[in-house]
């Protein structure tokens, strides 16, 4: 394997890392947008409902724990 092959492999792995990073970023942003929509819609979640989500799935909804205490 020559230097050119090493460079091409590095570029491909960097491109893959960027693709994976931005896909994860988009997934988190979509989840945040959906949560904010449920909080500001015509029938928003109550603090008790948000607390129940956080307690049930802390890894997924823990970032929204402040909403359980602010309304």
Protein backbone atom coordinates (compact mmCIF):
# COMPACT_ATOMS: atom_id res chain seq x y z
CA UNK A 1 0.00 0.00 0.00
CA UNK A 2 1.52 3.30 -1.02
CA UNK A 3 1.09 6.79 0.39
CA UNK A 4 -1.75 7.60 -1.99
CA UNK A 5 -3.77 4.63 -0.72
CA UNK A 6 -3.21 5.72 2.88
CA UNK A 7 -4.40 9.22 2.06
CA UNK A 8 -7.51 7.94 0.28
CA UNK A 9 -8.36 5.67 3.24
CA UNK A 10 -7.92 8.62 5.60
CA UNK A 11 -10.19 10.82 3.52
CA UNK A 12 -12.86 8.10 3.31
CA UNK A 13 -12.80 7.46 7.06
CA UNK A 14 -12.94 11.21 7.77
CA UNK A 15 -15.90 11.57 5.41
CA UNK A 16 -17.62 8.66 7.11
CA UNK A 17 -16.98 10.18 10.54
CA UNK A 18 -18.45 13.51 9.39
CA UNK A 19 -21.47 11.74 7.91
CA UNK A 20 -22.07 9.82 11.14
CA UNK A 21 -21.61 12.93 13.28
CA UNK A 22 -24.07 15.02 11.28
CA UNK A 23 -26.59 12.17 11.14
CA UNK A 24 -26.50 11.92 14.94
CA UNK A 25 -26.70 15.70 15.23
CA UNK A 26 -29.75 15.75 12.94
CA UNK A 27 -31.44 13.00 14.97
CA UNK A 28 -30.96 14.96 18.21
CA UNK A 29 -32.18 18.18 16.58
CA UNK A 30 -35.27 16.40 15.25
CA UNK A 31 -36.02 14.99 18.71
CA UNK A 32 -35.62 18.47 20.25
CA UNK A 33 -37.92 19.99 17.63
CA UNK A 34 -40.58 17.34 18.23
CA UNK A 35 -40.38 17.85 21.99
CA UNK A 36 -40.65 21.62 21.67
CA UNK A 37 -43.65 21.18 19.40
CA UNK A 38 -45.39 19.05 22.03
CA UNK A 39 -44.57 21.64 24.70
CA UNK A 40 -45.90 24.59 22.72
CA UNK A 41 -48.85 23.00 20.92
CA UNK A 42 -52.52 23.33 21.79
CA UNK A 43 -52.29 20.51 24.37
CA UNK A 44 -48.80 20.77 25.90
CA UNK A 45 -47.32 18.17 28.19
CA UNK A 46 -47.77 18.81 31.89
CA UNK A 47 -44.77 18.90 34.23
CA UNK A 48 -45.92 15.55 35.65
CA UNK A 49 -45.96 14.01 32.17
CA UNK A 50 -42.48 15.33 31.43
CA UNK A 51 -41.25 13.99 34.81
CA UNK A 52 -42.75 10.59 33.94
CA UNK A 53 -40.90 10.57 30.60
CA UNK A 54 -37.63 11.54 32.27
CA UNK A 55 -38.07 8.89 34.97
CA UNK A 56 -38.97 6.19 32.44
CA UNK A 57 -36.22 6.95 29.91
CA UNK A 58 -33.57 9.18 31.53
CA UNK A 59 -31.04 8.54 28.77
CA UNK A 60 -33.48 9.79 26.13
CA UNK A 61 -35.47 12.48 27.96
CA UNK A 62 -33.14 13.55 30.77
CA UNK A 63 -32.16 16.62 28.80
CA UNK A 64 -35.73 17.92 29.17
CA UNK A 65 -35.90 17.57 32.99
CA UNK A 66 -35.98 21.35 33.44
CA UNK A 67 -39.37 21.42 31.70
CA UNK A 68 -40.80 19.30 34.53
CA UNK A 69 -40.12 22.13 36.95
CA UNK A 70 -40.80 25.32 34.98
CA UNK A 71 -44.50 25.27 34.24
